[in-house]
Each structure stands twice: as structure tokens, then as C-alpha cells.
Amino acid sequence: MSSKPQNAPNPFDPASLRMPEALVAGGGAQKQLIVLNVQKPPRQAFVRVNPDLALRNRMALLELKDERETYAVTPSVGAAIPGEVKVVDLRLAVTQQGVPFLWPVPIPSADRADTAWSITQRAAAERAENAWVRMIANMHAQSYDVYEAQSAAAEPVWPDKTLQELLELAFGNGRLIEDLNHDVIQRLLGRA
């Protein structure tokens, strides 16, 4: 015989198990942007670029390919190691899945010939200001093939951050090189 009171509600009543809409939609919580990658667009992703000039910055980056690390470099440090850095137009971008990142779009350089890789990457970034774009390396052509999404995808959702806040997320924790005594510079100069 059951010890359950006769008028007790059934624990399997659908109404008692139904989640309130506020909890289904994330419980009123807001996703926080903690890190921000600096990278080219993922090969299999369509991306958009934020056209707002206040969210882009022409700056020098130092890329350690073996370690897969990218550092922001101040102009004075960049001038001291010109062969090690590249100047880029850092652009805020987002994938269709809502993942934001900073895209280091190469700019023409006075000391290097402009390549088809750089030209097509800049063209992709420009198109991505108004359309969802996918960029795929074409090794035979030595450039990127740029594809525009054919269906009308939703407009991107951008992080509610200033450029300074985005740079802090991307280059905080030792990823900003402000002087020649930085460990990375010392290694590049053969001193560490």
C-alpha cells in the first residue's frame, strides 16, 4: 500500500515539469565575451565584418607560427624589429554561429610586393561588410576564392564592446609587447 496522500499532485503532471520561457531562453543570463581570437576566418565558416570605422585599427602584429601565438606590438617596438612584424588592418568579424574574432587583414606594404593572397583577403573583408562571405585558399591560383552566401542569413550580432575592450580581450595576459625587454623579443634577438 502506498503512503502517498490521496490528494497529492502527480509529479509527472506536464504543467509541473514545464520550463518557464525565461529559463528556456537562457534564464535571463547574458553570455559574456571572455577571450577574443585574432585569426583569419575559419575555412568552413561564413563571416561578416563590422563596417564601423571605430571598431578597426591599423597596427603591428608579431605572429609566432610555431607557438600559434599573436602579439600586438607598439609602434616603437615594431620599428625596432621591422622584419618580424606585419602591419594589418585589424577588423571585428563574426561567424554565422555568432563567434566574434579579430581578423588581421593584410595591408599593402612599401617594402614588400602585394600578393594575390593579400589582395583577395582584403576583397573578402570588404565584401563581408555587407554580406556573409566564405574565404577558401586556392593553392593553384595562389589566392583565396571568395564565396558569398546565396540565402538571406540573419544579420550578425555584434559584441557590445568598444575597440579598446576588444583589444584588451585579444591581447591581455602578456600578448601586448610594449618594449624590447619582453621575453618574446629577447628570444627573437637571441638573448634568451
N, C-alpha and C. Protein backbone atom coordinates (compact mmCIF):
# COMPACT_ATOMS: atom_id res chain seq x y z
N MET A 1 0.82 -1.16 0.00
CA MET A 1 0.00 0.00 0.00
C MET A 1 0.88 1.24 0.00
N SER A 2 0.47 2.24 -0.75
CA SER A 2 1.24 3.46 -0.92
C SER A 2 0.99 4.40 0.25
N SER A 3 2.08 5.08 0.67
CA SER A 3 1.94 6.06 1.74
C SER A 3 1.67 7.46 1.20
N LYS A 4 1.49 7.57 -0.12
CA LYS A 4 1.23 8.84 -0.77
C LYS A 4 -0.18 9.31 -0.42
N PRO A 5 -0.30 10.59 0.00
CA PRO A 5 -1.64 11.10 0.29
C PRO A 5 -2.51 11.06 -0.96
N GLN A 6 -3.76 10.86 -0.79
CA GLN A 6 -4.66 10.70 -1.92
C GLN A 6 -4.80 11.95 -2.77
N ASN A 7 -4.68 13.13 -2.24
CA ASN A 7 -4.86 14.37 -2.99
C ASN A 7 -3.53 15.00 -3.41
N ALA A 8 -2.43 14.30 -3.27
CA ALA A 8 -1.12 14.83 -3.66
C ALA A 8 -1.04 14.97 -5.17
N PRO A 9 -0.39 16.05 -5.67
CA PRO A 9 -0.29 16.23 -7.12
C PRO A 9 0.60 15.14 -7.74
N ASN A 10 0.28 14.79 -8.95
CA ASN A 10 1.06 13.80 -9.68
C ASN A 10 2.38 14.47 -10.10
N PRO A 11 3.54 13.90 -9.72
CA PRO A 11 4.82 14.53 -10.06
C PRO A 11 5.10 14.54 -11.57
N PHE A 12 4.33 13.77 -12.34
CA PHE A 12 4.52 13.72 -13.78
C PHE A 12 3.51 14.57 -14.54
N ASP A 13 2.81 15.41 -13.83
CA ASP A 13 1.89 16.34 -14.47
C ASP A 13 2.70 17.26 -15.37
N PRO A 14 2.42 17.33 -16.69
CA PRO A 14 3.21 18.17 -17.61
C PRO A 14 3.34 19.62 -17.14
N ALA A 15 2.34 20.16 -16.52
CA ALA A 15 2.41 21.55 -16.06
C ALA A 15 3.47 21.73 -14.99
N SER A 16 3.67 20.70 -14.17
CA SER A 16 4.67 20.83 -13.10
C SER A 16 6.09 20.66 -13.62
N LEU A 17 6.25 20.12 -14.82
CA LEU A 17 7.58 19.91 -15.40
C LEU A 17 7.93 20.94 -16.48
N ARG A 18 6.95 21.75 -16.90
CA ARG A 18 7.16 22.71 -17.98
C ARG A 18 8.10 23.82 -17.51
N MET A 19 9.16 24.08 -18.34
CA MET A 19 10.14 25.12 -18.02
C MET A 19 9.57 26.48 -18.39
N PRO A 20 9.71 27.47 -17.52
CA PRO A 20 9.28 28.82 -17.86
C PRO A 20 10.12 29.36 -19.03
N GLU A 21 9.50 30.16 -19.89
CA GLU A 21 10.19 30.69 -21.07
C GLU A 21 11.48 31.43 -20.71
N ALA A 22 11.50 32.15 -19.60
CA ALA A 22 12.70 32.90 -19.21
C ALA A 22 13.89 31.96 -19.00
N LEU A 23 13.64 30.77 -18.47
CA LEU A 23 14.71 29.81 -18.27
C LEU A 23 15.12 29.14 -19.57
N VAL A 24 14.17 28.88 -20.45
CA VAL A 24 14.46 28.27 -21.74
C VAL A 24 15.34 29.19 -22.57
N ALA A 25 15.12 30.48 -22.50
CA ALA A 25 15.85 31.46 -23.30
C ALA A 25 17.17 31.85 -22.67
N GLY A 26 17.65 31.13 -21.70
CA GLY A 26 18.94 31.45 -21.09
C GLY A 26 18.81 31.93 -19.67
N GLY A 27 17.60 31.91 -19.16
CA GLY A 27 17.40 32.24 -17.76
C GLY A 27 17.69 33.69 -17.43
N GLY A 28 17.62 34.57 -18.41
CA GLY A 28 17.91 35.97 -18.13
C GLY A 28 19.40 36.23 -18.04
N ALA A 29 20.20 35.20 -18.26
CA ALA A 29 21.65 35.37 -18.21
C ALA A 29 22.14 35.88 -19.55
N GLN A 30 23.22 36.65 -19.52
CA GLN A 30 23.79 37.18 -20.75
C GLN A 30 25.18 36.57 -20.92
N LYS A 31 25.42 36.01 -22.11
CA LYS A 31 26.71 35.41 -22.41
C LYS A 31 27.80 36.49 -22.36
N GLN A 32 28.90 36.16 -21.70
CA GLN A 32 29.99 37.11 -21.55
C GLN A 32 31.13 36.75 -22.50
N LEU A 33 31.69 37.74 -23.16
CA LEU A 33 32.84 37.55 -24.03
C LEU A 33 34.08 37.62 -23.15
N ILE A 34 34.80 36.49 -23.02
CA ILE A 34 35.95 36.41 -22.13
C ILE A 34 37.26 36.48 -22.90
N VAL A 35 37.32 35.80 -24.04
CA VAL A 35 38.51 35.82 -24.89
C VAL A 35 38.07 36.15 -26.32
N LEU A 36 39.01 36.67 -27.08
CA LEU A 36 38.74 37.03 -28.46
C LEU A 36 39.94 36.63 -29.28
N ASN A 37 39.76 35.68 -30.19
CA ASN A 37 40.86 35.21 -31.02
C ASN A 37 41.20 36.22 -32.10
N VAL A 38 42.47 36.23 -32.47
CA VAL A 38 42.96 37.02 -33.59
C VAL A 38 43.33 35.99 -34.65
N GLN A 39 42.58 35.98 -35.76
CA GLN A 39 42.76 34.92 -36.74
C GLN A 39 42.11 35.28 -38.06
N LYS A 40 42.49 34.57 -39.11
CA LYS A 40 41.76 34.65 -40.36
C LYS A 40 40.43 33.92 -40.15
N PRO A 41 39.46 34.17 -41.02
CA PRO A 41 38.18 33.46 -40.86
C PRO A 41 38.37 31.95 -40.95
N PRO A 42 37.63 31.19 -40.15
CA PRO A 42 37.70 29.73 -40.27
C PRO A 42 37.33 29.30 -41.69
N ARG A 43 38.01 28.30 -42.20
CA ARG A 43 37.86 27.86 -43.59
C ARG A 43 36.42 27.50 -43.95
N GLN A 44 35.70 26.90 -43.05
CA GLN A 44 34.36 26.41 -43.38
C GLN A 44 33.25 27.30 -42.84
N ALA A 45 33.58 28.56 -42.54
CA ALA A 45 32.58 29.45 -41.95
C ALA A 45 32.32 30.65 -42.84
N PHE A 46 31.06 31.04 -42.90
CA PHE A 46 30.70 32.32 -43.50
C PHE A 46 30.83 33.37 -42.41
N VAL A 47 31.38 34.52 -42.75
CA VAL A 47 31.63 35.57 -41.77
C VAL A 47 31.13 36.91 -42.26
N ARG A 48 30.95 37.81 -41.31
CA ARG A 48 30.66 39.21 -41.61
C ARG A 48 31.72 40.05 -40.90
N VAL A 49 31.97 41.23 -41.45
CA VAL A 49 32.91 42.19 -40.88
C VAL A 49 32.14 43.44 -40.49
N ASN A 50 32.40 43.95 -39.30
CA ASN A 50 31.72 45.15 -38.86
C ASN A 50 32.26 46.35 -39.64
N PRO A 51 31.39 47.10 -40.32
CA PRO A 51 31.85 48.21 -41.14
C PRO A 51 32.20 49.48 -40.35
N ASP A 52 31.91 49.50 -39.06
CA ASP A 52 32.13 50.68 -38.23
C ASP A 52 33.63 50.98 -38.12
N LEU A 53 34.04 52.16 -38.60
CA LEU A 53 35.45 52.55 -38.56
C LEU A 53 35.99 52.63 -37.13
N ALA A 54 35.12 52.85 -36.16
CA ALA A 54 35.55 52.93 -34.77
C ALA A 54 35.94 51.56 -34.21
N LEU A 55 35.62 50.47 -34.95
CA LEU A 55 35.94 49.12 -34.48
C LEU A 55 37.02 48.46 -35.33
N ARG A 56 37.91 49.28 -35.90
CA ARG A 56 39.04 48.74 -36.64
C ARG A 56 40.28 49.53 -36.29
N ASN A 57 41.43 48.90 -36.45
CA ASN A 57 42.67 49.55 -36.06
C ASN A 57 43.82 49.06 -36.92
N ARG A 58 44.57 49.98 -37.48
CA ARG A 58 45.78 49.63 -38.23
C ARG A 58 46.91 49.53 -37.22
N MET A 59 47.51 48.34 -37.12
CA MET A 59 48.51 48.12 -36.09
C MET A 59 49.47 47.02 -36.49
N ALA A 60 50.57 46.92 -35.73
CA ALA A 60 51.59 45.91 -36.00
C ALA A 60 51.33 44.67 -35.13
N LEU A 61 51.45 43.51 -35.76
CA LEU A 61 51.32 42.23 -35.05
C LEU A 61 52.59 41.41 -35.23
N LEU A 62 52.91 40.65 -34.22
CA LEU A 62 54.01 39.69 -34.27
C LEU A 62 53.39 38.32 -34.13
N GLU A 63 53.59 37.49 -35.14
CA GLU A 63 52.98 36.15 -35.14
C GLU A 63 54.07 35.11 -34.95
N LEU A 64 53.94 34.30 -33.91
CA LEU A 64 54.83 33.17 -33.68
C LEU A 64 54.10 31.94 -34.18
N LYS A 65 54.40 31.55 -35.41
CA LYS A 65 53.64 30.47 -36.05
C LYS A 65 53.79 29.14 -35.34
N ASP A 66 55.01 28.80 -34.89
CA ASP A 66 55.22 27.52 -34.22
C ASP A 66 54.41 27.42 -32.93
N GLU A 67 54.30 28.51 -32.20
CA GLU A 67 53.55 28.52 -30.94
C GLU A 67 52.07 28.86 -31.14
N ARG A 68 51.71 29.27 -32.37
CA ARG A 68 50.35 29.71 -32.68
C ARG A 68 49.90 30.83 -31.75
N GLU A 69 50.78 31.82 -31.61
CA GLU A 69 50.51 32.96 -30.76
C GLU A 69 50.65 34.24 -31.57
N THR A 70 49.79 35.20 -31.30
CA THR A 70 49.84 36.50 -31.95
C THR A 70 49.92 37.58 -30.88
N TYR A 71 50.84 38.51 -31.08
CA TYR A 71 51.07 39.59 -30.13
C TYR A 71 50.81 40.93 -30.80
N ALA A 72 50.23 41.87 -30.08
CA ALA A 72 50.15 43.26 -30.51
C ALA A 72 51.48 43.90 -30.16
N VAL A 73 51.98 44.74 -31.05
CA VAL A 73 53.28 45.37 -30.86
C VAL A 73 53.11 46.88 -30.97
N THR A 74 53.67 47.62 -30.01
CA THR A 74 53.60 49.08 -30.08
C THR A 74 54.43 49.56 -31.27
N PRO A 75 54.12 50.75 -31.79
CA PRO A 75 54.88 51.26 -32.94
C PRO A 75 56.39 51.34 -32.70
N SER A 76 56.81 51.71 -31.50
CA SER A 76 58.25 51.82 -31.24
C SER A 76 58.94 50.45 -31.29
N VAL A 77 58.31 49.43 -30.78
CA VAL A 77 58.87 48.08 -30.84
C VAL A 77 58.84 47.58 -32.27
N GLY A 78 57.74 47.81 -32.97
CA GLY A 78 57.64 47.39 -34.37
C GLY A 78 58.73 48.00 -35.22
N ALA A 79 59.06 49.27 -34.97
CA ALA A 79 60.11 49.95 -35.73
C ALA A 79 61.48 49.34 -35.45
N ALA A 80 61.66 48.78 -34.26
CA ALA A 80 62.95 48.19 -33.89
C ALA A 80 63.14 46.78 -34.47
N ILE A 81 62.04 46.11 -34.83
CA ILE A 81 62.13 44.75 -35.40
C ILE A 81 61.27 44.66 -36.66
N PRO A 82 61.52 45.49 -37.66
CA PRO A 82 60.61 45.58 -38.81
C PRO A 82 60.42 44.28 -39.58
N GLY A 83 61.42 43.44 -39.67
CA GLY A 83 61.28 42.19 -40.41
C GLY A 83 60.44 41.14 -39.71
N GLU A 84 60.15 41.36 -38.45
CA GLU A 84 59.41 40.38 -37.65
C GLU A 84 57.92 40.67 -37.55
N VAL A 85 57.53 41.91 -37.79
CA VAL A 85 56.13 42.29 -37.62
C VAL A 85 55.47 42.53 -38.96
N LYS A 86 54.15 42.45 -38.96
CA LYS A 86 53.39 42.86 -40.14
C LYS A 86 52.31 43.83 -39.69
N VAL A 87 52.11 44.83 -40.51
CA VAL A 87 51.08 45.82 -40.22
C VAL A 87 49.80 45.34 -40.89
N VAL A 88 48.74 45.34 -40.11
CA VAL A 88 47.44 44.84 -40.58
C VAL A 88 46.35 45.84 -40.24
N ASP A 89 45.22 45.65 -40.88
CA ASP A 89 44.01 46.37 -40.54
C ASP A 89 43.20 45.39 -39.71
N LEU A 90 43.19 45.55 -38.40
CA LEU A 90 42.52 44.61 -37.51
C LEU A 90 41.03 44.93 -37.51
N ARG A 91 40.21 43.95 -37.94
CA ARG A 91 38.77 44.15 -38.14
C ARG A 91 37.97 43.21 -37.25
N LEU A 92 36.90 43.72 -36.68
CA LEU A 92 35.98 42.88 -35.90
C LEU A 92 35.12 42.09 -36.87
N ALA A 93 35.10 40.78 -36.70
CA ALA A 93 34.30 39.89 -37.54
C ALA A 93 33.55 38.92 -36.65
N VAL A 94 32.56 38.25 -37.26
CA VAL A 94 31.77 37.26 -36.52
C VAL A 94 31.35 36.17 -37.50
N THR A 95 31.31 34.93 -37.01
CA THR A 95 30.84 33.81 -37.83
C THR A 95 29.32 33.75 -37.76
N GLN A 96 28.71 32.96 -38.68
CA GLN A 96 27.26 32.79 -38.64
C GLN A 96 26.82 32.13 -37.33
N GLN A 97 27.73 31.42 -36.68
CA GLN A 97 27.41 30.78 -35.40
C GLN A 97 27.51 31.77 -34.24
N GLY A 98 27.84 33.03 -34.54
CA GLY A 98 27.88 34.06 -33.51
C GLY A 98 29.20 34.16 -32.78
N VAL A 99 30.28 33.59 -33.32
CA VAL A 99 31.58 33.64 -32.66
C VAL A 99 32.36 34.84 -33.20
N PRO A 100 32.60 35.84 -32.34
CA PRO A 100 33.36 37.00 -32.79
C PRO A 100 34.86 36.72 -32.78
N PHE A 101 35.59 37.43 -33.63
CA PHE A 101 37.06 37.35 -33.66
C PHE A 101 37.60 38.61 -34.30
N LEU A 102 38.88 38.84 -34.14
CA LEU A 102 39.54 39.96 -34.81
C LEU A 102 40.31 39.41 -36.00
N TRP A 103 40.01 39.93 -37.17
CA TRP A 103 40.61 39.47 -38.42
C TRP A 103 41.75 40.41 -38.79
N PRO A 104 42.99 39.92 -38.81
CA PRO A 104 44.12 40.76 -39.22
C PRO A 104 44.23 40.81 -40.75
N VAL A 105 43.56 41.78 -41.35
CA VAL A 105 43.53 41.90 -42.80
C VAL A 105 44.82 42.57 -43.26
N PRO A 106 45.59 41.91 -44.14
CA PRO A 106 46.87 42.49 -44.57
C PRO A 106 46.67 43.76 -45.39
N ILE A 107 47.57 44.70 -45.21
CA ILE A 107 47.52 45.94 -45.99
C ILE A 107 48.76 45.99 -46.89
N PRO A 108 48.69 46.73 -47.99
CA PRO A 108 49.87 46.85 -48.85
C PRO A 108 51.04 47.44 -48.07
N SER A 109 52.23 46.97 -48.38
CA SER A 109 53.43 47.42 -47.69
C SER A 109 54.39 48.06 -48.70
N ALA A 110 55.06 49.10 -48.27
CA ALA A 110 56.02 49.78 -49.15
C ALA A 110 57.25 48.94 -49.39
N ASP A 111 57.58 48.04 -48.44
CA ASP A 111 58.81 47.25 -48.59
C ASP A 111 58.59 45.83 -49.11
N ARG A 112 57.34 45.46 -49.38
CA ARG A 112 57.03 44.13 -49.91
C ARG A 112 56.02 44.22 -51.04
N ALA A 113 56.16 43.33 -51.99
CA ALA A 113 55.19 43.28 -53.08
C ALA A 113 53.86 42.76 -52.54
N ASP A 114 52.79 43.34 -53.03
CA ASP A 114 51.45 42.90 -52.65
C ASP A 114 51.19 41.56 -53.33
N THR A 115 50.66 40.60 -52.60
CA THR A 115 50.41 39.28 -53.17
C THR A 115 48.94 39.08 -53.46
N ALA A 116 48.65 38.10 -54.29
CA ALA A 116 47.25 37.76 -54.58
C ALA A 116 46.55 37.29 -53.31
N TRP A 117 47.28 36.66 -52.41
CA TRP A 117 46.70 36.24 -51.13
C TRP A 117 46.16 37.47 -50.39
N SER A 118 46.99 38.51 -50.29
CA SER A 118 46.59 39.72 -49.57
C SER A 118 45.47 40.46 -50.27
N ILE A 119 45.58 40.56 -51.60
CA ILE A 119 44.56 41.28 -52.38
C ILE A 119 43.19 40.62 -52.23
N THR A 120 43.15 39.30 -52.35
CA THR A 120 41.86 38.60 -52.25
C THR A 120 41.33 38.58 -50.81
N GLN A 121 42.23 38.59 -49.84
CA GLN A 121 41.79 38.65 -48.45
C GLN A 121 41.16 40.01 -48.14
N ARG A 122 41.76 41.09 -48.66
CA ARG A 122 41.17 42.42 -48.47
C ARG A 122 39.81 42.51 -49.17
N ALA A 123 39.72 41.93 -50.36
CA ALA A 123 38.44 41.94 -51.09
C ALA A 123 37.37 41.18 -50.31
N ALA A 124 37.75 40.06 -49.71
CA ALA A 124 36.80 39.28 -48.91
C ALA A 124 36.32 40.09 -47.71
N ALA A 125 37.23 40.77 -47.03
CA ALA A 125 36.86 41.57 -45.86
C ALA A 125 35.92 42.70 -46.26
N GLU A 126 36.19 43.35 -47.41
CA GLU A 126 35.31 44.42 -47.87
C GLU A 126 33.91 43.90 -48.19
N ARG A 127 33.82 42.77 -48.89
CA ARG A 127 32.51 42.19 -49.21
C ARG A 127 31.77 41.76 -47.96
N ALA A 128 32.53 41.30 -46.96
CA ALA A 128 31.92 40.80 -45.72
C ALA A 128 31.29 41.91 -44.89
N GLU A 129 31.53 43.17 -45.25
CA GLU A 129 30.87 44.27 -44.56
C GLU A 129 29.36 44.27 -44.84
N ASN A 130 28.96 43.73 -46.01
CA ASN A 130 27.56 43.77 -46.41
C ASN A 130 26.93 42.41 -46.67
N ALA A 131 27.73 41.36 -46.69
CA ALA A 131 27.21 40.02 -47.00
C ALA A 131 28.01 38.97 -46.23
N TRP A 132 27.38 37.81 -46.04
CA TRP A 132 28.07 36.69 -45.42
C TRP A 132 29.03 36.10 -46.46
N VAL A 133 30.31 35.99 -46.10
CA VAL A 133 31.36 35.61 -47.04
C VAL A 133 32.16 34.44 -46.47
N ARG A 134 32.55 33.56 -47.37
CA ARG A 134 33.43 32.44 -47.02
C ARG A 134 34.68 32.55 -47.88
N MET A 135 35.84 32.35 -47.28
CA MET A 135 37.12 32.51 -47.95
C MET A 135 37.87 31.18 -47.90
N ILE A 136 38.21 30.64 -49.07
CA ILE A 136 38.89 29.34 -49.14
C ILE A 136 40.17 29.48 -49.94
N ALA A 137 41.26 28.96 -49.41
CA ALA A 137 42.55 29.02 -50.10
C ALA A 137 42.50 28.22 -51.40
N ASN A 138 43.00 28.82 -52.47
CA ASN A 138 43.12 28.16 -53.76
C ASN A 138 44.62 28.08 -54.06
N MET A 139 45.21 26.95 -53.75
CA MET A 139 46.66 26.80 -53.87
C MET A 139 47.14 26.95 -55.31
N HIS A 140 46.34 26.52 -56.28
CA HIS A 140 46.74 26.63 -57.68
C HIS A 140 46.80 28.09 -58.13
N ALA A 141 45.86 28.89 -57.69
CA ALA A 141 45.83 30.30 -58.06
C ALA A 141 46.68 31.17 -57.13
N GLN A 142 47.16 30.58 -56.02
CA GLN A 142 47.92 31.32 -55.02
C GLN A 142 47.14 32.54 -54.51
N SER A 143 45.86 32.29 -54.22
CA SER A 143 44.98 33.34 -53.71
C SER A 143 43.80 32.68 -53.01
N TYR A 144 42.92 33.51 -52.48
CA TYR A 144 41.70 32.99 -51.86
C TYR A 144 40.55 33.08 -52.85
N ASP A 145 39.71 32.06 -52.86
CA ASP A 145 38.43 32.12 -53.55
C ASP A 145 37.43 32.67 -52.53
N VAL A 146 36.62 33.60 -52.97
CA VAL A 146 35.66 34.25 -52.08
C VAL A 146 34.26 33.88 -52.53
N TYR A 147 33.47 33.36 -51.60
CA TYR A 147 32.09 32.95 -51.88
C TYR A 147 31.14 33.78 -51.03
N GLU A 148 30.05 34.20 -51.63
CA GLU A 148 29.02 34.93 -50.92
C GLU A 148 27.85 33.98 -50.68
N ALA A 149 27.29 34.00 -49.47
CA ALA A 149 26.15 33.15 -49.15
C ALA A 149 24.98 33.53 -50.05
N GLN A 150 24.30 32.53 -50.57
CA GLN A 150 23.19 32.78 -51.50
C GLN A 150 21.86 33.01 -50.79
N SER A 151 21.72 32.46 -49.61
CA SER A 151 20.46 32.66 -48.89
C SER A 151 20.58 33.89 -47.99
N ALA A 152 19.48 34.46 -47.67
CA ALA A 152 19.46 35.64 -46.81
C ALA A 152 19.59 35.21 -45.36
N ALA A 153 20.79 35.20 -44.86
CA ALA A 153 21.02 34.83 -43.46
C ALA A 153 20.70 36.03 -42.56
N ALA A 154 20.50 35.75 -41.32
CA ALA A 154 20.20 36.81 -40.35
C ALA A 154 21.38 37.77 -40.24
N GLU A 155 21.08 38.98 -39.85
CA GLU A 155 22.13 39.97 -39.64
C GLU A 155 22.98 39.53 -38.44
N PRO A 156 24.27 39.88 -38.45
CA PRO A 156 25.15 39.46 -37.35
C PRO A 156 24.80 40.14 -36.04
N VAL A 157 25.12 39.47 -34.96
CA VAL A 157 25.00 40.04 -33.62
C VAL A 157 26.41 40.38 -33.18
N TRP A 158 26.66 41.67 -32.94
CA TRP A 158 28.00 42.14 -32.59
C TRP A 158 28.16 42.25 -31.09
N PRO A 159 29.37 42.01 -30.58
CA PRO A 159 29.62 42.22 -29.15
C PRO A 159 29.42 43.70 -28.81
N ASP A 160 28.88 43.94 -27.66
CA ASP A 160 28.65 45.32 -27.20
C ASP A 160 29.91 45.78 -26.47
N LYS A 161 30.97 45.99 -27.25
CA LYS A 161 32.28 46.36 -26.68
C LYS A 161 32.89 47.48 -27.52
N THR A 162 33.72 48.29 -26.88
CA THR A 162 34.50 49.29 -27.60
C THR A 162 35.73 48.62 -28.20
N LEU A 163 36.41 49.31 -29.10
CA LEU A 163 37.64 48.76 -29.67
C LEU A 163 38.67 48.51 -28.57
N GLN A 164 38.78 49.40 -27.62
CA GLN A 164 39.73 49.22 -26.53
C GLN A 164 39.41 47.94 -25.75
N GLU A 165 38.15 47.71 -25.46
CA GLU A 165 37.77 46.49 -24.73
C GLU A 165 38.06 45.24 -25.55
N LEU A 166 37.83 45.31 -26.87
CA LEU A 166 38.12 44.17 -27.74
C LEU A 166 39.62 43.88 -27.77
N LEU A 167 40.43 44.93 -27.85
CA LEU A 167 41.89 44.75 -27.85
C LEU A 167 42.38 44.16 -26.54
N GLU A 168 41.77 44.59 -25.43
CA GLU A 168 42.13 44.03 -24.12
C GLU A 168 41.81 42.54 -24.06
N LEU A 169 40.67 42.14 -24.60
CA LEU A 169 40.30 40.72 -24.61
C LEU A 169 41.26 39.91 -25.48
N ALA A 170 41.67 40.48 -26.60
CA ALA A 170 42.53 39.75 -27.54
C ALA A 170 43.98 39.71 -27.10
N PHE A 171 44.48 40.80 -26.51
CA PHE A 171 45.91 40.90 -26.25
C PHE A 171 46.26 41.05 -24.78
N GLY A 172 45.28 40.86 -23.90
CA GLY A 172 45.58 40.88 -22.47
C GLY A 172 46.44 39.67 -22.10
N ASN A 173 46.82 39.57 -20.87
CA ASN A 173 47.60 38.44 -20.38
C ASN A 173 48.93 38.27 -21.13
N GLY A 174 49.66 39.37 -21.29
CA GLY A 174 51.01 39.28 -21.84
C GLY A 174 51.11 39.24 -23.35
N ARG A 175 50.01 39.52 -24.07
CA ARG A 175 50.04 39.48 -25.54
C ARG A 175 50.26 40.86 -26.15
N LEU A 176 50.61 41.84 -25.32
CA LEU A 176 50.96 43.17 -25.79
C LEU A 176 52.44 43.38 -25.51
N ILE A 177 53.20 43.67 -26.56
CA ILE A 177 54.64 43.91 -26.41
C ILE A 177 54.87 45.41 -26.48
N GLU A 178 55.29 45.97 -25.33
CA GLU A 178 55.47 47.42 -25.23
C GLU A 178 56.92 47.86 -25.23
N ASP A 179 57.85 46.93 -25.00
CA ASP A 179 59.26 47.32 -25.03
C ASP A 179 60.12 46.14 -25.46
N LEU A 180 61.37 46.42 -25.76
CA LEU A 180 62.28 45.40 -26.29
C LEU A 180 62.73 44.39 -25.22
N ASN A 181 62.39 44.62 -23.97
CA ASN A 181 62.75 43.68 -22.90
C ASN A 181 61.75 42.54 -22.75
N HIS A 182 60.68 42.56 -23.51
CA HIS A 182 59.67 41.49 -23.46
C HIS A 182 60.36 40.17 -23.81
N ASP A 183 59.96 39.09 -23.13
CA ASP A 183 60.58 37.76 -23.33
C ASP A 183 60.58 37.33 -24.80
N VAL A 184 59.50 37.59 -25.51
CA VAL A 184 59.40 37.17 -26.91
C VAL A 184 60.43 37.90 -27.76
N ILE A 185 60.60 39.18 -27.53
CA ILE A 185 61.58 39.97 -28.29
C ILE A 185 62.99 39.50 -27.95
N GLN A 186 63.23 39.24 -26.69
CA GLN A 186 64.55 38.76 -26.28
C GLN A 186 64.89 37.43 -26.96
N ARG A 187 63.90 36.53 -27.09
CA ARG A 187 64.13 35.27 -27.80
C ARG A 187 64.42 35.51 -29.28
N LEU A 188 63.66 36.42 -29.89
CA LEU A 188 63.87 36.71 -31.31
C LEU A 188 65.25 37.34 -31.57
N LEU A 189 65.75 38.07 -30.61
CA LEU A 189 67.06 38.71 -30.73
C LEU A 189 68.18 37.78 -30.29
N GLY A 190 67.85 36.56 -29.86
CA GLY A 190 68.86 35.58 -29.43
C GLY A 190 69.46 35.87 -28.07
N ARG A 191 68.75 36.59 -27.26
CA ARG A 191 69.26 36.96 -25.94
C ARG A 191 68.67 36.13 -24.81
N ALA A 192 67.72 35.28 -25.11
CA ALA A 192 67.09 34.47 -24.04
C ALA A 192 67.02 33.02 -24.46
